[in-house]
Protein backbone atom coordinates (compact mmCIF):
# COMPACT_ATOMS: atom_id res chain seq x y z
CA MET A 1 41.87 -59.27 2.19
CA ASN A 2 38.49 -60.49 2.48
CA THR A 3 35.58 -58.02 1.62
CA PRO A 4 32.21 -58.96 2.70
CA PRO A 5 30.11 -60.33 -0.34
CA PRO A 6 27.05 -58.02 -1.57
CA PRO A 7 24.07 -57.38 -0.70
CA PRO A 8 21.77 -60.17 -2.53
CA ALA A 9 19.38 -58.25 -5.15
CA PRO A 10 16.01 -57.55 -4.36
CA HIS A 11 13.34 -59.69 -5.81
CA ARG A 12 12.24 -58.60 -9.80
CA SER A 13 8.41 -58.65 -8.52
CA ALA A 14 9.44 -55.80 -5.13
CA ARG A 15 11.55 -54.06 -7.63
CA ILE A 16 8.56 -53.32 -9.87
CA ALA A 17 6.35 -52.43 -7.20
CA ALA A 18 8.52 -49.92 -5.96
CA LEU A 19 8.91 -48.91 -8.46
CA ALA A 20 5.59 -48.01 -9.39
CA VAL A 21 4.75 -46.68 -6.54
CA ALA A 22 7.47 -43.84 -6.77
CA VAL A 23 6.24 -43.30 -10.28
CA CYS A 24 2.93 -42.48 -9.03
CA LEU A 25 3.53 -40.56 -6.14
CA LEU A 26 6.03 -38.32 -8.08
CA ALA A 27 3.70 -38.05 -11.09
CA ALA A 28 0.52 -38.40 -9.83
CA GLY A 29 0.65 -36.98 -6.31
CA CYS A 30 -1.56 -40.30 -5.15
CA SER A 31 -0.96 -41.99 -1.75
CA ALA A 32 0.17 -45.53 -1.60
CA SER A 33 -3.24 -46.29 -0.88
CA GLY A 34 -3.74 -44.71 -4.58
CA GLY A 35 -5.50 -41.83 -3.26
CA ARG A 36 -4.69 -38.18 -4.11
CA THR A 37 -2.41 -36.33 -1.22
CA ASP A 38 -3.08 -32.51 -0.75
CA SER A 39 0.57 -31.94 0.57
CA ALA A 40 1.56 -29.84 -2.45
CA ALA A 41 -1.21 -27.43 -1.90
CA ASP A 42 -0.09 -26.97 1.78
CA GLY A 43 3.34 -25.50 0.79
CA ALA A 44 4.05 -22.24 0.97
CA GLY A 45 2.90 -20.14 -1.91
CA ARG A 46 -0.43 -21.95 -2.33
CA ALA A 47 -3.66 -21.35 -0.38
CA GLY A 48 -3.98 -24.35 1.07
CA THR A 49 -4.19 -24.40 4.35
CA ALA A 50 -6.94 -23.60 6.97
CA ARG A 51 -9.00 -20.00 6.09
CA LEU A 52 -7.59 -17.27 8.09
CA LYS A 53 -9.22 -14.23 8.81
CA VAL A 54 -7.78 -10.73 8.21
CA ALA A 55 -8.92 -7.49 9.31
CA LEU A 56 -7.85 -4.44 7.44
CA VAL A 57 -8.46 -1.01 9.23
CA THR A 58 -7.18 2.16 7.72
CA HIS A 59 -7.88 5.92 8.07
CA ALA A 60 -9.48 6.75 4.96
CA SER A 61 -11.89 9.61 4.95
CA PRO A 62 -15.41 8.76 3.24
CA GLY A 63 -15.88 9.02 -0.75
CA ASP A 64 -11.75 9.05 -0.87
CA THR A 65 -11.33 7.05 -3.96
CA PHE A 66 -7.88 6.23 -2.97
CA TRP A 67 -8.62 3.82 -0.67
CA ASN A 68 -10.76 1.56 -3.17
CA LEU A 69 -7.30 0.74 -4.90
CA VAL A 70 -5.87 -0.46 -1.62
CA LYS A 71 -9.15 -2.33 -0.87
CA LYS A 72 -9.12 -4.06 -4.28
CA GLY A 73 -5.60 -5.26 -3.82
CA ALA A 74 -6.59 -6.45 -0.32
CA GLU A 75 -9.07 -8.11 -1.93
CA ASP A 76 -7.08 -9.68 -4.40
CA ALA A 77 -5.19 -11.20 -2.06
CA ALA A 78 -7.50 -12.30 -0.24
CA ALA A 79 -8.90 -14.50 -2.98
CA LYS A 80 -5.74 -15.97 -3.97
CA ASP A 81 -5.06 -17.53 0.04
CA ASP A 82 -8.65 -18.06 0.45
CA ILE A 83 -8.77 -15.52 3.12
CA ASP A 84 -11.77 -14.04 5.02
CA LEU A 85 -11.20 -10.73 5.06
CA THR A 86 -12.51 -7.59 6.57
CA TYR A 87 -12.43 -4.06 5.82
CA ALA A 88 -13.36 -1.08 8.22
CA ASN A 89 -12.10 2.51 7.97
CA ASP A 90 -12.51 5.62 10.34
CA SER A 91 -10.40 8.96 9.13
CA ASP A 92 -10.47 9.92 13.30
CA ALA A 93 -7.69 8.60 15.02
CA ALA A 94 -9.48 7.40 18.07
CA GLY A 95 -12.41 6.04 15.93
CA GLN A 96 -9.35 4.01 13.49
CA ALA A 97 -8.38 2.63 17.31
CA GLU A 98 -11.12 1.27 18.15
CA LEU A 99 -11.80 -0.70 15.38
CA VAL A 100 -8.40 -2.45 15.91
CA ARG A 101 -9.64 -3.01 19.46
CA ASP A 102 -12.73 -4.57 17.63
CA SER A 103 -10.90 -6.80 15.72
CA VAL A 104 -8.58 -8.14 18.48
CA ARG A 105 -11.94 -9.05 20.49
CA GLN A 106 -12.95 -10.93 17.35
CA LYS A 107 -9.64 -12.82 17.27
CA VAL A 108 -8.60 -12.55 13.96
CA ASP A 109 -5.63 -14.31 12.98
CA GLY A 110 -4.02 -10.81 11.50
CA ILE A 111 -4.68 -7.24 11.36
CA ALA A 112 -3.04 -4.40 8.57
CA VAL A 113 -3.14 -1.10 9.90
CA THR A 114 -2.28 2.47 8.32
CA LEU A 115 -0.24 4.75 10.71
CA ALA A 116 -1.64 7.96 9.69
CA LYS A 117 -1.33 9.19 13.60
CA PRO A 118 1.11 6.66 15.25
CA GLN A 119 0.89 7.48 18.61
CA ALA A 120 -3.10 6.74 18.69
CA MET A 121 -2.31 3.03 17.39
CA ARG A 122 -0.08 2.50 20.03
CA GLY A 123 -2.47 0.89 22.61
CA PRO A 124 -4.50 -1.53 19.90
CA ILE A 125 -1.29 -2.55 18.29
CA ALA A 126 0.16 -3.26 21.92
CA ALA A 127 -3.38 -5.17 22.35
CA ALA A 128 -3.30 -7.67 19.25
CA LYS A 129 0.34 -8.76 20.05
CA ALA A 130 -0.76 -9.34 23.79
CA ALA A 131 -3.36 -11.47 21.75
CA ASP A 132 -0.91 -13.21 19.69
CA ILE A 133 -2.23 -11.30 16.19
CA PRO A 134 0.39 -10.25 14.06
CA VAL A 135 0.33 -6.72 12.87
CA VAL A 136 1.77 -5.20 9.60
CA GLY A 137 1.90 -1.26 8.69
CA LEU A 138 0.97 -0.06 5.37
CA ASN A 139 0.68 3.61 4.04
CA SER A 140 1.18 5.50 6.66
CA GLY A 141 3.79 5.43 9.33
CA ILE A 142 6.85 4.52 7.28
CA ASP A 143 9.02 6.49 10.35
CA SER A 144 7.59 5.25 13.01
CA TRP A 145 6.43 1.00 12.07
CA GLN A 146 9.18 -0.60 14.19
CA SER A 147 8.82 1.64 17.26
CA GLU A 148 5.16 0.58 17.83
CA GLY A 149 5.45 -3.01 17.37
CA VAL A 150 4.48 -3.49 13.45
CA LEU A 151 5.84 -6.44 11.77
CA GLU A 152 6.39 -5.86 8.37
CA PHE A 153 5.39 -2.41 6.18
CA PHE A 154 4.34 -1.74 2.73
CA GLY A 155 4.15 1.43 1.51
CA GLN A 156 6.77 4.92 0.25
CA ASP A 157 9.15 6.82 2.01
CA GLU A 158 7.14 10.33 1.88
CA SER A 159 9.89 12.59 2.62
CA LEU A 160 11.91 10.56 -0.13
CA ALA A 161 8.91 11.58 -2.22
CA GLY A 162 8.57 14.85 -1.36
CA ARG A 163 12.43 15.56 -1.85
CA ALA A 164 12.24 13.89 -5.54
CA VAL A 165 9.31 16.44 -6.50
CA GLY A 166 11.30 18.90 -5.34
CA ASN A 167 13.66 18.19 -7.44
CA LYS A 168 11.02 17.44 -10.56
CA LEU A 169 9.65 21.31 -9.85
CA ASP A 170 13.30 22.54 -9.83
CA SER A 171 13.96 20.77 -13.18
CA LEU A 172 10.37 22.88 -14.39
CA ARG A 173 11.91 25.99 -13.19
CA ALA A 174 9.04 26.58 -10.99
CA LYS A 175 9.78 29.68 -8.26
CA HIS A 176 6.97 29.25 -5.85
CA ALA A 177 4.79 26.29 -4.92
CA LEU A 178 1.63 25.78 -2.62
CA CYS A 179 2.13 22.88 -0.94
CA VAL A 180 -1.77 22.00 0.04
CA ILE A 181 -2.23 19.54 3.06
CA HIS A 182 -5.76 18.45 3.11
CA GLU A 183 -5.60 16.21 7.01
CA ARG A 184 -3.91 17.97 9.57
CA GLY A 185 -1.55 16.30 11.96
CA ASN A 186 -1.14 13.66 9.03
CA VAL A 187 2.74 12.36 9.00
CA ALA A 188 2.76 11.26 5.78
CA LEU A 189 0.80 13.94 4.56
CA GLU A 190 3.36 16.69 6.50
CA ALA A 191 6.68 14.05 5.89
CA ARG A 192 5.54 15.02 1.78
CA CYS A 193 5.36 18.79 1.73
CA ALA A 194 8.85 19.27 4.48
CA GLY A 195 10.14 17.10 1.80
CA VAL A 196 9.66 19.01 -0.81
CA LYS A 197 10.56 22.01 0.46
CA LYS A 198 13.86 20.83 1.68
CA THR A 199 14.98 20.36 -1.97
CA PHE A 200 13.14 22.59 -3.65
CA ASP A 201 15.57 25.49 -4.73
CA GLY A 202 12.14 28.12 -4.63
CA ARG A 203 9.99 29.22 -2.12
CA THR A 204 7.67 26.43 -0.53
CA GLU A 205 4.54 27.79 1.87
CA MET A 206 1.68 24.98 3.55
CA LEU A 207 -1.86 25.84 2.87
CA TYR A 208 -3.57 23.44 5.21
CA VAL A 209 -7.61 22.97 4.01
CA GLU A 210 -9.98 20.52 5.19
CA GLY A 211 -9.80 17.37 2.74
CA THR A 212 -13.35 15.90 3.51
CA ASP A 213 -15.04 19.30 2.22
CA ALA A 214 -14.12 19.65 -1.67
CA ASN A 215 -15.97 23.03 -1.95
CA ALA A 216 -14.27 24.51 1.15
CA THR A 217 -10.77 22.71 -0.39
CA ALA A 218 -11.33 24.86 -3.77
CA ALA A 219 -12.09 28.22 -2.04
CA ALA A 220 -9.20 28.23 0.02
CA ILE A 221 -6.69 27.52 -3.26
CA THR A 222 -8.64 29.94 -5.24
CA ALA A 223 -8.69 32.61 -2.34
CA ARG A 224 -4.67 32.06 -1.89
CA LEU A 225 -4.08 32.04 -5.88
CA ARG A 226 -5.57 35.08 -6.18
CA GLN A 227 -3.42 36.95 -3.23
CA ASP A 228 -0.80 35.70 -4.27
CA PRO A 229 0.18 35.87 -8.05
CA THR A 230 3.80 34.90 -7.56
CA ILE A 231 2.46 30.92 -6.96
CA ASP A 232 3.15 28.84 -10.09
CA GLU A 233 2.95 25.13 -8.90
CA VAL A 234 -0.05 23.89 -6.43
CA VAL A 235 0.97 20.60 -5.07
CA THR A 236 -1.78 18.55 -3.73
CA LEU A 237 -1.05 15.37 -1.68
CA SER A 238 -4.04 13.13 -3.26
CA ALA A 239 -5.48 13.33 -6.71
CA GLN A 240 -9.05 13.91 -5.64
CA VAL A 241 -7.62 17.78 -4.36
CA ALA A 242 -5.35 17.81 -7.64
CA LEU A 243 -8.80 17.66 -9.90
CA THR A 244 -10.29 20.21 -7.21
CA ALA A 245 -6.89 22.43 -7.30
CA VAL A 246 -6.92 22.47 -11.31
CA LYS A 247 -10.86 23.92 -10.96
CA SER A 248 -9.05 26.83 -8.45
CA VAL A 249 -6.78 28.16 -11.25
CA GLU A 250 -9.13 28.32 -13.57
CA GLN A 251 -11.42 30.14 -11.24
CA SER A 252 -8.09 32.45 -9.97
CA GLY A 253 -7.42 33.06 -13.52
CA GLY A 254 -4.02 32.67 -12.53
CA LYS A 255 -1.46 30.54 -14.47
CA ALA A 256 -0.29 28.00 -12.01
CA ARG A 257 0.37 24.77 -13.08
CA VAL A 258 -0.87 21.30 -10.58
CA ALA A 259 1.21 18.62 -9.85
CA THR A 260 0.30 16.21 -7.44
CA PHE A 261 1.09 12.60 -5.41
CA ASP A 262 -1.19 9.56 -5.91
CA LEU A 263 -3.50 8.52 -8.95
CA ASN A 264 -6.60 7.46 -9.46
CA GLN A 265 -8.61 6.85 -12.90
CA ASP A 266 -9.96 10.43 -13.55
CA LEU A 267 -6.21 11.78 -12.26
CA VAL A 268 -4.69 9.63 -15.17
CA LYS A 269 -6.94 11.69 -17.81
CA ALA A 270 -6.20 15.06 -16.37
CA VAL A 271 -2.26 13.63 -16.94
CA GLU A 272 -2.91 12.31 -19.95
CA SER A 273 -4.78 15.65 -20.94
CA GLY A 274 -2.09 18.09 -19.45
CA ASP A 275 -4.44 19.74 -16.50
CA VAL A 276 -2.04 17.65 -14.50
CA GLN A 277 1.90 18.27 -14.99
CA PHE A 278 2.67 15.05 -13.03
CA ALA A 279 1.41 12.18 -10.46
CA VAL A 280 3.78 10.37 -7.99
CA ASP A 281 2.46 6.86 -7.53
CA GLN A 282 2.66 4.73 -4.49
CA GLN A 283 1.11 1.83 -6.11
CA PRO A 284 -1.92 1.62 -3.24
CA TYR A 285 -2.77 -1.36 -4.90
CA LEU A 286 -0.05 -2.97 -3.82
CA GLN A 287 0.07 -1.55 -0.57
CA GLY A 288 -3.15 -3.63 0.09
CA TYR A 289 -2.11 -6.69 -1.84
CA LEU A 290 1.47 -6.92 0.15
CA ALA A 291 0.07 -6.47 3.49
CA VAL A 292 -2.66 -9.02 3.51
CA ASP A 293 -0.56 -11.75 1.25
CA ALA A 294 2.11 -10.76 4.07
CA LEU A 295 0.41 -12.01 6.82
CA TRP A 296 -1.00 -15.55 5.16
CA LEU A 297 2.58 -15.55 4.51
CA TYR A 298 3.58 -15.16 8.17
CA ARG A 299 0.95 -17.28 9.42
CA THR A 300 1.64 -20.55 7.27
CA ASN A 301 5.31 -20.34 6.67
CA GLY A 302 7.09 -17.96 9.35
CA ASN A 303 8.06 -15.43 6.46
CA ALA A 304 8.55 -11.72 7.19
CA SER A 305 9.49 -9.06 4.28
CA GLY A 306 12.64 -6.93 4.73
CA GLY A 307 13.65 -9.30 7.74
CA GLY A 308 11.15 -7.33 10.14
CA VAL A 309 13.75 -3.98 10.55
CA SER A 310 13.42 -2.82 6.66
CA PRO A 311 10.41 -1.57 5.10
CA VAL A 312 8.95 -2.64 1.72
CA LEU A 313 8.76 0.27 -0.42
CA THR A 314 6.25 0.30 -3.10
CA GLY A 315 7.05 3.57 -4.54
CA PRO A 316 7.79 6.48 -5.26
CA ALA A 317 7.11 6.75 -9.26
CA PHE A 318 6.82 9.67 -11.46
CA VAL A 319 3.67 9.66 -14.09
CA THR A 320 4.14 12.53 -16.65
CA LYS A 321 2.31 12.67 -20.28
CA ALA A 322 5.39 11.07 -21.50
CA ASN A 323 4.78 7.52 -19.81
CA VAL A 324 1.00 7.90 -18.40
CA ALA A 325 -0.44 5.56 -21.38
CA SER A 326 1.68 2.17 -19.64
CA VAL A 327 -0.61 3.30 -16.26
CA ALA A 328 -3.62 4.10 -18.07
CA ARG A 329 -5.28 0.58 -19.06
CA PHE A 330 -4.29 -0.91 -15.45
CA ALA A 331 -5.93 2.09 -13.97
CA ALA A 332 -9.31 2.05 -15.76
CA ARG A 333 -9.79 -1.41 -14.12
CA GLY A 334 -9.01 -0.34 -10.80
CA THR A 335 -5.68 -1.35 -10.19
CA ARG A 336 -3.84 2.11 -10.41
């Protein structure tokens, strides 16, 4: 049986030249003409693409330090991804909706938005989608992000977190909890207290206060504690209200304990001192970071965390006197 002859061996000098080019490309990242290529920097996971414009729009109230952590995370992600980030906030739902519309008019490349009052965001989100602008949700609205047409969601399951707090109160042998809601109609806050009530074996009552007025909030909590000394646990839904509640307990002359959702640097100190029993950390820094980074990944690599069908959970995690030291050093630098 005859077989075809093997192909002639390449010339030695050609082999050497080809090897030199291969080594250059693999080891030095240069082109065949001797110049450096930036193709590696353009891959997913590294910022080497065109600069994107991203807007972060929240329902933050003026002076609420919680949102500094969200913003810090977003800014750090933007710096990594070489994103031009703008931040805007309005605690009024109509005002927040208009801020989202402004971002659409500015033709940004992506929008990250909180959904504290989801129905108010429906129109602006639809406008963004019509303009081919991807929208991700964060912090509030875990039960409605898909129905509102949001691409991804980063946050805490507030109902689950509330139920966990209810179980925690049972383990602490509490009997009567006062759950303080500092923003009426905020779906996340309502879900927290509803969750507490669902699993707590004791009595749970809601107290609505004006969270933007610290003095009015303190007066309302103090008055309720004086009216009913059987209240042995005050559950607040933000770090700032928790610190206010600590003072209210002192002013009331009662012995109620304070527990809270969310952290800031001062709240960490209150847990360390024992003034606050525990805090539920939803990791707001992580929410801001992941939301902005997700928009970059979607625009540059077509990624969608959770496949667009499942939220990315950032909490809950309990911070107590036993483990607060591991969190304190991060809180001191403004990231927890």
